[in-house]
Amino acid sequence: MRAAGATYAQIRRELRVGTSTVSRLLGTQGAGRKRRIPIAARERAVALRVDGLSIPEIARKLGIARSSAWLLTRDIKPTAGEDSAARRAEAGRAYWREENLRRALIRQRASNDAASRVGQLADRELLLLGAVAYWAEGTKAKPWRRRERLSFTNSDPNMIRLFLAWLNLVGVDGERLSFRVHIHESADIEGALTYWAGIACVPEGAFSKTTVKRHKPVTNRHNVGDAYRGCLVIQVRRSADEYRLVDGLCAGIVGSLERHRPRTPA
């Protein structure tokens, strides 16, 4: 890439590494030499500056540092109104549109790579995952209220699917399950009921009376709009045995963490 005329900034973005790494790969680390910007890039920077582009816009288009763009065009007088607040704001928005897209692609690539490592879950893996999910999100017995009954509440449809898959694995049949939607009164209650019925694969008639939470306009809530469907509450009747199973599995998981405990610095 360097032999083809690419700048350090272009190489850095392509390889997603730091400047020092690029210098090390090219054998220029500690050489004390300034990199030379190709003549074509210099001429292009000058032309863009004459056309009225700002320093950040030139740097972004040419893939060079802002300081380099300024050095190449510092003798060119800015056009009238170029440094106005509106133009700077637009340049900033343009930069973040491109930067947010770049970051979104990086996030998606990392997510896809991680997803490809999962493969098919074995029964043992699902058994442990479901137990941990319940211990994090489900209702637990308290010393002052020793109630051993599974009750799982969540707004994430994938967590609901995980918990239902776990219940099926441990042999809980559908007749022992009850479903209830918990939602703000300002939302589409009927739409939410239909949505959760589809996620749980049960008819809407199987749901208990919806729990409606009073809406407070003064509260700065972010869970609003068409995507807000409240939470689904799943309760399992006669589930003391399954509750104790979760309790024991989580205790076993915690007990097995001893060899994974972070080492104490010497």
Protein backbone atom coordinates (compact mmCIF):
# COMPACT_ATOMS: atom_id res chain seq x y z
CA MET A 1 0.00 0.00 0.00
CA ARG A 2 2.82 2.38 0.80
CA ALA A 3 4.56 1.61 -2.47
CA ALA A 4 1.31 2.41 -4.26
CA GLY A 5 1.28 5.86 -2.69
CA ALA A 6 -1.00 5.31 0.31
CA THR A 7 -0.54 7.62 3.27
CA TYR A 8 -0.04 6.46 6.84
CA ALA A 9 -3.61 7.50 7.64
CA GLN A 10 -5.00 5.39 4.78
CA ILE A 11 -2.93 2.37 5.84
CA ARG A 12 -3.95 2.85 9.46
CA ARG A 13 -7.65 2.89 8.58
CA GLU A 14 -7.40 -0.11 6.26
CA LEU A 15 -5.53 -2.28 8.78
CA ARG A 16 -7.29 -0.78 11.83
CA VAL A 17 -4.02 -0.31 13.72
CA GLY A 18 -2.17 2.61 15.29
CA THR A 19 0.46 4.85 13.72
CA SER A 20 3.25 3.21 15.70
CA THR A 21 2.23 -0.20 14.32
CA VAL A 22 2.30 1.13 10.76
CA SER A 23 5.75 2.58 11.39
CA ARG A 24 6.97 -0.73 12.77
CA LEU A 25 5.56 -2.66 9.82
CA LEU A 26 7.21 -0.30 7.35
CA GLY A 27 10.48 -0.28 9.26
CA THR A 28 10.39 3.49 9.83
CA GLN A 29 9.83 3.48 13.57
CA GLY A 30 12.38 5.70 15.25
CA ALA A 31 13.89 6.71 11.90
CA GLY A 32 13.13 10.35 12.53
CA ARG A 33 12.01 10.93 8.96
CA LYS A 34 8.91 12.83 7.99
CA ARG A 35 6.64 11.02 5.58
CA ARG A 36 6.28 12.65 2.19
CA ILE A 37 2.82 13.28 0.82
CA PRO A 38 2.57 12.46 -2.89
CA ILE A 39 2.66 15.45 -5.24
CA ALA A 40 -0.75 14.52 -6.64
CA ALA A 41 -2.22 14.69 -3.14
CA ARG A 42 -0.60 18.07 -2.56
CA GLU A 43 -2.08 19.45 -5.76
CA ARG A 44 -5.46 17.96 -4.94
CA ALA A 45 -5.40 19.55 -1.47
CA VAL A 46 -4.66 22.97 -2.96
CA ALA A 47 -7.44 22.58 -5.52
CA LEU A 48 -9.94 21.57 -2.87
CA ARG A 49 -8.95 24.52 -0.71
CA VAL A 50 -9.42 26.91 -3.62
CA ASP A 51 -12.86 25.39 -4.16
CA GLY A 52 -13.73 26.42 -0.61
CA LEU A 53 -13.43 23.17 1.32
CA SER A 54 -12.39 23.39 4.95
CA ILE A 55 -9.26 21.83 6.42
CA PRO A 56 -11.20 18.90 8.04
CA GLU A 57 -13.01 18.22 4.76
CA ILE A 58 -9.74 18.14 2.82
CA ALA A 59 -8.12 15.86 5.40
CA ARG A 60 -11.08 13.48 5.23
CA LYS A 61 -11.20 13.35 1.44
CA LEU A 62 -7.46 12.75 1.05
CA GLY A 63 -7.03 10.49 4.08
CA ILE A 64 -4.37 12.68 5.68
CA ALA A 65 -4.04 14.36 9.06
CA ARG A 66 -5.64 17.76 9.57
CA SER A 67 -2.25 19.20 10.40
CA SER A 68 -0.92 17.97 7.04
CA ALA A 69 -3.90 19.43 5.20
CA TRP A 70 -3.29 22.77 6.89
CA LEU A 71 0.43 22.75 6.02
CA LEU A 72 -0.33 22.02 2.37
CA THR A 73 -2.90 24.81 2.06
CA ARG A 74 -1.84 27.38 4.64
CA ASP A 75 -0.89 29.97 1.99
CA ILE A 76 -4.37 29.92 0.42
CA LYS A 77 -6.75 32.52 1.71
CA PRO A 78 -10.06 31.05 2.92
CA THR A 79 -13.13 31.96 0.92
CA ALA A 80 -15.65 34.37 2.40
CA GLY A 81 -17.86 32.82 5.02
CA GLU A 82 -15.92 29.55 5.02
CA ASP A 83 -15.25 29.65 8.73
CA SER A 84 -18.81 30.43 9.67
CA ALA A 85 -20.42 28.41 12.44
CA ALA A 86 -22.89 26.87 10.00
CA ARG A 87 -20.14 25.58 7.72
CA ARG A 88 -18.13 24.19 10.61
CA ALA A 89 -21.22 22.48 11.94
CA GLU A 90 -21.98 20.91 8.55
CA ALA A 91 -18.38 19.73 8.26
CA GLY A 92 -18.68 18.14 11.68
CA ARG A 93 -21.92 16.40 10.76
CA ALA A 94 -20.40 15.09 7.54
CA TYR A 95 -17.43 13.74 9.46
CA TRP A 96 -19.59 11.93 12.01
CA ARG A 97 -21.86 10.47 9.34
CA GLU A 98 -18.84 8.82 7.79
CA GLU A 99 -17.27 7.93 11.13
CA ASN A 100 -20.47 6.40 12.53
CA LEU A 101 -20.84 4.29 9.41
CA ARG A 102 -17.25 3.09 9.76
CA ARG A 103 -17.79 2.21 13.42
CA ALA A 104 -21.05 0.44 12.64
CA LEU A 105 -19.25 -1.76 10.10
CA ILE A 106 -16.54 -2.57 12.66
CA ARG A 107 -19.17 -3.47 15.27
CA GLN A 108 -21.09 -5.66 12.82
CA ARG A 109 -17.93 -7.45 11.73
CA ALA A 110 -16.96 -8.15 15.34
CA SER A 111 -20.49 -9.34 16.15
CA ASN A 112 -20.57 -11.68 13.15
CA ASP A 113 -17.18 -13.12 14.06
CA ALA A 114 -18.33 -13.78 17.62
CA ALA A 115 -21.62 -15.34 16.48
CA SER A 116 -19.76 -17.73 14.18
CA ARG A 117 -17.91 -19.15 17.21
CA VAL A 118 -21.08 -20.40 18.92
CA GLY A 119 -22.32 -23.17 16.66
CA GLN A 120 -25.03 -25.54 17.94
CA LEU A 121 -25.69 -25.47 21.68
CA ALA A 122 -25.43 -28.80 23.47
CA ASP A 123 -28.04 -29.63 26.12
CA ARG A 124 -25.52 -29.06 28.90
CA GLU A 125 -24.64 -25.62 27.57
CA LEU A 126 -28.31 -24.63 27.33
CA LEU A 127 -28.89 -25.99 30.84
CA LEU A 128 -26.19 -23.69 32.26
CA LEU A 129 -27.10 -20.68 30.13
CA GLY A 130 -30.75 -20.83 31.12
CA ALA A 131 -29.89 -21.13 34.82
CA VAL A 132 -27.60 -18.10 34.72
CA ALA A 133 -30.15 -16.10 32.73
CA TYR A 134 -32.78 -16.84 35.36
CA TRP A 135 -30.46 -16.03 38.26
CA ALA A 136 -29.74 -12.66 36.64
CA GLU A 137 -33.28 -11.74 35.56
CA GLY A 138 -35.71 -13.98 37.44
CA THR A 139 -37.37 -13.62 40.84
CA LYS A 140 -35.33 -15.09 43.70
CA ALA A 141 -36.39 -16.27 47.13
CA LYS A 142 -35.42 -14.00 50.04
CA PRO A 143 -34.63 -14.95 53.63
CA TRP A 144 -37.78 -13.13 54.69
CA ARG A 145 -39.84 -14.59 51.82
CA ARG A 146 -38.94 -18.17 51.06
CA ARG A 147 -40.96 -18.55 47.88
CA GLU A 148 -39.49 -21.11 45.51
CA ARG A 149 -41.34 -20.41 42.30
CA LEU A 150 -39.98 -19.51 38.87
CA SER A 151 -41.02 -16.06 37.65
CA PHE A 152 -39.08 -14.53 34.76
CA THR A 153 -39.59 -10.98 33.46
CA ASN A 154 -37.83 -9.44 30.48
CA SER A 155 -38.27 -6.98 27.63
CA ASP A 156 -35.74 -8.70 25.36
CA PRO A 157 -37.46 -11.25 23.08
CA ASN A 158 -34.25 -13.28 22.79
CA MET A 159 -34.03 -13.66 26.57
CA ILE A 160 -37.63 -14.85 26.54
CA ARG A 161 -36.80 -17.40 23.84
CA LEU A 162 -33.79 -18.60 25.85
CA PHE A 163 -35.83 -19.07 29.01
CA LEU A 164 -38.61 -20.93 27.17
CA ALA A 165 -36.03 -23.20 25.51
CA TRP A 166 -34.56 -23.91 28.95
CA LEU A 167 -37.98 -24.75 30.40
CA ASN A 168 -38.59 -27.17 27.56
CA LEU A 169 -35.17 -28.77 28.17
CA VAL A 170 -35.88 -29.42 31.85
CA GLY A 171 -39.31 -30.89 31.07
CA VAL A 172 -41.74 -28.09 31.98
CA ASP A 173 -44.88 -28.48 29.87
CA GLY A 174 -46.99 -25.61 28.60
CA GLU A 175 -49.89 -26.31 30.98
CA ARG A 176 -47.78 -25.10 33.91
CA LEU A 177 -46.95 -21.75 32.29
CA SER A 178 -48.78 -18.45 32.65
CA PHE A 179 -48.02 -15.30 30.66
CA ARG A 180 -48.68 -11.65 31.43
CA VAL A 181 -47.67 -8.40 29.74
CA HIS A 182 -46.39 -5.52 31.89
CA ILE A 183 -46.52 -2.21 29.99
CA HIS A 184 -47.07 1.57 30.27
CA GLU A 185 -50.60 2.80 29.58
CA SER A 186 -49.34 5.16 26.83
CA ALA A 187 -48.14 2.25 24.66
CA ASP A 188 -49.99 0.07 22.14
CA ILE A 189 -51.23 -2.54 24.59
CA GLU A 190 -53.08 -4.72 22.07
CA GLY A 191 -50.13 -4.64 19.70
CA ALA A 192 -47.79 -5.66 22.51
CA LEU A 193 -50.02 -8.58 23.44
CA THR A 194 -49.98 -9.83 19.84
CA TYR A 195 -46.22 -9.38 19.66
CA TRP A 196 -45.44 -11.35 22.82
CA ALA A 197 -47.91 -14.08 21.87
CA GLY A 198 -45.89 -14.56 18.69
CA ILE A 199 -42.58 -14.65 20.59
CA ALA A 200 -43.86 -17.19 23.12
CA CYS A 201 -45.74 -19.20 20.44
CA VAL A 202 -48.97 -19.23 22.47
CA PRO A 203 -52.45 -17.84 21.69
CA GLU A 204 -53.38 -14.44 23.08
CA GLY A 205 -56.13 -16.13 25.07
CA ALA A 206 -53.45 -17.84 27.19
CA PHE A 207 -52.39 -14.47 28.68
CA SER A 208 -53.51 -13.24 32.08
CA LYS A 209 -54.80 -9.70 32.55
CA THR A 210 -52.22 -7.15 31.43
CA THR A 211 -50.48 -5.13 34.12
CA VAL A 212 -50.69 -1.49 33.04
CA LYS A 213 -48.28 1.02 34.54
CA ARG A 214 -49.37 4.63 34.80
CA HIS A 215 -47.54 6.94 32.43
CA LYS A 216 -45.84 10.01 33.92
CA PRO A 217 -45.24 12.66 31.22
CA VAL A 218 -42.60 14.39 33.36
CA THR A 219 -40.43 11.27 33.33
CA ASN A 220 -37.72 11.30 30.66
CA ARG A 221 -38.39 7.80 29.31
CA HIS A 222 -36.50 6.37 26.33
CA ASN A 223 -38.55 3.17 25.99
CA VAL A 224 -41.21 4.82 23.84
CA GLY A 225 -42.37 4.56 20.23
CA ASP A 226 -43.45 1.64 18.07
CA ALA A 227 -40.54 -0.52 19.27
CA TYR A 228 -41.68 -0.38 22.90
CA ARG A 229 -43.74 -3.44 23.82
CA GLY A 230 -43.26 -3.58 27.57
CA CYS A 231 -42.12 -6.74 29.34
CA LEU A 232 -43.33 -10.31 29.30
CA VAL A 233 -43.76 -12.07 32.64
CA ILE A 234 -43.54 -15.88 32.59
CA GLN A 235 -44.53 -17.76 35.73
CA VAL A 236 -44.24 -21.51 36.24
CA ARG A 237 -46.73 -23.24 38.52
CA ARG A 238 -45.52 -25.92 40.92
CA SER A 239 -41.92 -25.08 40.11
CA ALA A 240 -40.11 -25.61 43.43
CA ASP A 241 -38.05 -28.46 41.93
CA GLU A 242 -37.00 -26.32 38.94
CA TYR A 243 -36.19 -23.42 41.23
CA ARG A 244 -33.91 -25.63 43.31
CA LEU A 245 -32.33 -26.89 40.08
CA VAL A 246 -31.46 -23.31 39.11
CA ASP A 247 -30.14 -22.66 42.61
CA GLY A 248 -27.90 -25.71 42.50
CA LEU A 249 -26.64 -25.11 38.97
CA CYS A 250 -25.65 -21.53 39.75
CA ALA A 251 -23.94 -22.63 42.97
CA GLY A 252 -21.99 -25.20 40.99
CA ILE A 253 -20.99 -22.62 38.38
CA VAL A 254 -19.76 -20.22 41.05
CA GLY A 255 -17.86 -23.01 42.78
CA SER A 256 -16.08 -23.93 39.54
CA LEU A 257 -14.78 -20.37 39.07
CA GLU A 258 -11.94 -20.88 41.53
CA ARG A 259 -9.40 -21.75 38.86
CA HIS A 260 -10.52 -18.76 36.78
CA ARG A 261 -10.08 -16.26 39.59
CA PRO A 262 -7.76 -13.34 38.67
CA ARG A 263 -4.28 -13.76 40.07
CA THR A 264 -3.26 -11.41 42.86
CA PRO A 265 -0.31 -9.20 41.80
CA ALA A 266 2.93 -10.15 43.51
